[in-house]
Amino acid sequence: MDLQFCPVCKKALVAREEDGITYATCICGYKKETKSDLVFSEQEKRKEIGRGIAVDKKNLKGFPHVCSKCGYGQAEVTDLGASYSDESNTYLFKCKKCGYSERQADGTGN
């Protein structure tokens, strides 16, 4: 099957087999029967990634933040960004000792 495009939304059609019949389908719902025996898979092979250099993250120095659960003074910080453009960023503090996570959102940035 050559690469075909949906006449409705112009996206690429994907070959799928249903009940022994091959169809060219689109995410918009368009579907037509095709004469190809080839069925494409949407799965991709992922490259295996090693463990990396840092094995024990609890030994690494963190951001100074006191955990409200255990009182430890180091945390990993993740910036979750802002939900809307007029808000300030939301931060996630994960304790380096017990793993407890806390959110900090200061409201609007105006």
C-alpha atoms as a PDB file:
ATOM      1  CA  MET A   1       0.000   0.000   0.000  1.00  0.00           C
ATOM      2  CA  ASP A   2       1.410   3.366  -0.972  1.00  0.00           C
ATOM      3  CA  LEU A   3       1.138   6.175   1.531  1.00  0.00           C
ATOM      4  CA  GLN A   4      -2.400   7.489   1.283  1.00  0.00           C
ATOM      5  CA  PHE A   5      -4.032  10.487   2.884  1.00  0.00           C
ATOM      6  CA  CYS A   6      -7.497  10.999   4.311  1.00  0.00           C
ATOM      7  CA  PRO A   7      -9.786  12.981   1.977  1.00  0.00           C
ATOM      8  CA  VAL A   8     -11.590  14.438   5.031  1.00  0.00           C
ATOM      9  CA  CYS A   9      -8.780  15.733   7.272  1.00  0.00           C
ATOM     10  CA  LYS A  10      -5.677  15.197   5.051  1.00  0.00           C
ATOM     11  CA  LYS A  11      -3.783  13.065   7.639  1.00  0.00           C
ATOM     12  CA  ALA A  12      -1.924   9.872   6.713  1.00  0.00           C
ATOM     13  CA  LEU A  13      -4.015   6.693   6.631  1.00  0.00           C
ATOM     14  CA  VAL A  14      -2.912   3.642   8.623  1.00  0.00           C
ATOM     15  CA  ALA A  15      -3.556   0.079   7.428  1.00  0.00           C
ATOM     16  CA  ARG A  16      -5.410  -2.093   9.953  1.00  0.00           C
ATOM     17  CA  GLU A  17      -6.789  -5.594   9.663  1.00  0.00           C
ATOM     18  CA  GLU A  18     -10.279  -6.387  10.949  1.00  0.00           C
ATOM     19  CA  ASP A  19     -11.978  -9.757  10.413  1.00  0.00           C
ATOM     20  CA  GLY A  20      -9.455 -10.710   7.710  1.00  0.00           C
ATOM     21  CA  ILE A  21     -10.073  -7.533   5.678  1.00  0.00           C
ATOM     22  CA  THR A  22      -7.473  -4.764   5.467  1.00  0.00           C
ATOM     23  CA  TYR A  23      -8.748  -1.203   5.905  1.00  0.00           C
ATOM     24  CA  ALA A  24      -7.009   2.144   5.532  1.00  0.00           C
ATOM     25  CA  THR A  25      -8.166   4.113   8.581  1.00  0.00           C
ATOM     26  CA  CYS A  26      -7.774   7.627   9.925  1.00  0.00           C
ATOM     27  CA  ILE A  27      -8.066   9.034  13.442  1.00  0.00           C
ATOM     28  CA  CYS A  28     -11.000  11.208  12.305  1.00  0.00           C
ATOM     29  CA  GLY A  29     -13.045   8.046  11.676  1.00  0.00           C
ATOM     30  CA  TYR A  30     -12.622   7.739   7.906  1.00  0.00           C
ATOM     31  CA  LYS A  31     -12.195   4.126   6.794  1.00  0.00           C
ATOM     32  CA  LYS A  32     -11.949   2.426   3.408  1.00  0.00           C
ATOM     33  CA  GLU A  33     -11.138  -1.095   2.281  1.00  0.00           C
ATOM     34  CA  THR A  34      -7.750  -1.575   0.644  1.00  0.00           C
ATOM     35  CA  LYS A  35      -6.234  -4.434  -1.358  1.00  0.00           C
ATOM     36  CA  SER A  36      -2.897  -4.471   0.446  1.00  0.00           C
ATOM     37  CA  ASP A  37      -1.666  -7.390   2.545  1.00  0.00           C
ATOM     38  CA  LEU A  38       0.644  -5.099   4.505  1.00  0.00           C
ATOM     39  CA  VAL A  39      -0.476  -4.028   7.980  1.00  0.00           C
ATOM     40  CA  PHE A  40       1.506  -1.295   9.695  1.00  0.00           C
ATOM     41  CA  SER A  41       2.270  -1.328  13.387  1.00  0.00           C
ATOM     42  CA  GLU A  42       2.298   1.870  15.435  1.00  0.00           C
ATOM     43  CA  GLN A  43       4.807   0.482  17.917  1.00  0.00           C
ATOM     44  CA  GLU A  44       8.330   1.832  17.863  1.00  0.00           C
ATOM     45  CA  LYS A  45      11.451   0.175  19.173  1.00  0.00           C
ATOM     46  CA  ARG A  46      12.990   2.023  22.066  1.00  0.00           C
ATOM     47  CA  LYS A  47      16.688   2.113  22.649  1.00  0.00           C
ATOM     48  CA  GLU A  48      17.727   0.516  25.947  1.00  0.00           C
ATOM     49  CA  ILE A  49      19.252   3.139  28.204  1.00  0.00           C
ATOM     50  CA  GLY A  50      21.733   2.264  30.937  1.00  0.00           C
ATOM     51  CA  ARG A  51      21.459   3.195  34.592  1.00  0.00           C
ATOM     52  CA  GLY A  52      23.657   6.272  34.211  1.00  0.00           C
ATOM     53  CA  ILE A  53      26.327   7.733  36.420  1.00  0.00           C
ATOM     54  CA  ALA A  54      24.404   8.633  39.595  1.00  0.00           C
ATOM     55  CA  VAL A  55      23.082   5.436  41.186  1.00  0.00           C
ATOM     56  CA  ASP A  56      22.134   6.667  44.667  1.00  0.00           C
ATOM     57  CA  LYS A  57      20.324  10.004  44.396  1.00  0.00           C
ATOM     58  CA  LYS A  58      19.920  10.333  48.187  1.00  0.00           C
ATOM     59  CA  ASN A  59      23.675  10.955  48.531  1.00  0.00           C
ATOM     60  CA  LEU A  60      23.581  13.921  46.147  1.00  0.00           C
ATOM     61  CA  LYS A  61      23.189  17.386  47.613  1.00  0.00           C
ATOM     62  CA  GLY A  62      19.709  18.827  47.139  1.00  0.00           C
ATOM     63  CA  PHE A  63      17.903  22.137  47.379  1.00  0.00           C
ATOM     64  CA  PRO A  64      17.591  23.582  50.893  1.00  0.00           C
ATOM     65  CA  HIS A  65      13.963  22.863  51.854  1.00  0.00           C
ATOM     66  CA  VAL A  66      12.709  21.514  55.196  1.00  0.00           C
ATOM     67  CA  CYS A  67      10.434  18.468  54.810  1.00  0.00           C
ATOM     68  CA  SER A  68       7.150  18.891  56.693  1.00  0.00           C
ATOM     69  CA  LYS A  69       6.974  15.131  57.333  1.00  0.00           C
ATOM     70  CA  CYS A  70      10.463  14.179  58.608  1.00  0.00           C
ATOM     71  CA  GLY A  71      12.214  17.561  59.007  1.00  0.00           C
ATOM     72  CA  TYR A  72      15.138  16.752  56.658  1.00  0.00           C
ATOM     73  CA  GLY A  73      16.645  19.873  55.070  1.00  0.00           C
ATOM     74  CA  GLN A  74      17.379  18.718  51.480  1.00  0.00           C
ATOM     75  CA  ALA A  75      14.945  18.200  48.585  1.00  0.00           C
ATOM     76  CA  GLU A  76      14.841  17.586  44.847  1.00  0.00           C
ATOM     77  CA  VAL A  77      13.031  20.418  43.072  1.00  0.00           C
ATOM     78  CA  THR A  78      10.896  20.008  39.956  1.00  0.00           C
ATOM     79  CA  ASP A  79       9.398  23.025  38.204  1.00  0.00           C
ATOM     80  CA  LEU A  80       5.932  21.995  37.007  1.00  0.00           C
ATOM     81  CA  GLY A  81       5.408  25.290  35.167  1.00  0.00           C
ATOM     82  CA  ALA A  82       2.302  27.443  35.129  1.00  0.00           C
ATOM     83  CA  SER A  83      -1.201  26.295  34.202  1.00  0.00           C
ATOM     84  CA  TYR A  84      -2.130  29.687  32.786  1.00  0.00           C
ATOM     85  CA  SER A  85       0.036  32.557  31.609  1.00  0.00           C
ATOM     86  CA  ASP A  86      -1.027  34.878  34.442  1.00  0.00           C
ATOM     87  CA  GLU A  87      -0.043  32.412  37.195  1.00  0.00           C
ATOM     88  CA  SER A  88       3.338  31.803  38.746  1.00  0.00           C
ATOM     89  CA  ASN A  89       5.069  28.439  38.436  1.00  0.00           C
ATOM     90  CA  THR A  90       4.244  25.458  40.644  1.00  0.00           C
ATOM     91  CA  TYR A  91       7.196  23.703  42.281  1.00  0.00           C
ATOM     92  CA  LEU A  92       7.383  20.140  43.577  1.00  0.00           C
ATOM     93  CA  PHE A  93       9.776  19.484  46.487  1.00  0.00           C
ATOM     94  CA  LYS A  94      10.659  15.791  47.033  1.00  0.00           C
ATOM     95  CA  CYS A  95      12.481  15.006  50.269  1.00  0.00           C
ATOM     96  CA  LYS A  96      15.913  13.408  49.733  1.00  0.00           C
ATOM     97  CA  LYS A  97      15.499  11.297  52.901  1.00  0.00           C
ATOM     98  CA  CYS A  98      11.899   9.992  53.046  1.00  0.00           C
ATOM     99  CA  GLY A  99      10.656  10.777  49.510  1.00  0.00           C
ATOM    100  CA  TYR A 100       7.634  12.802  50.675  1.00  0.00           C
ATOM    101  CA  SER A 101       6.505  15.308  48.024  1.00  0.00           C
ATOM    102  CA  GLU A 102       5.107  18.795  48.630  1.00  0.00           C
ATOM    103  CA  ARG A 103       3.762  21.344  46.150  1.00  0.00           C
ATOM    104  CA  GLN A 104       4.305  25.074  46.337  1.00  0.00           C
ATOM    105  CA  ALA A 105       2.175  27.409  44.260  1.00  0.00           C
ATOM    106  CA  ASP A 106       2.349  31.086  45.162  1.00  0.00           C
ATOM    107  CA  GLY A 107      -0.755  32.201  43.255  1.00  0.00           C
ATOM    108  CA  THR A 108      -0.691  34.688  40.416  1.00  0.00           C
ATOM    109  CA  GLY A 109       2.421  36.338  39.072  1.00  0.00           C
ATOM    110  CA  ASN A 110       0.751  39.765  38.747  1.00  0.00           C
END
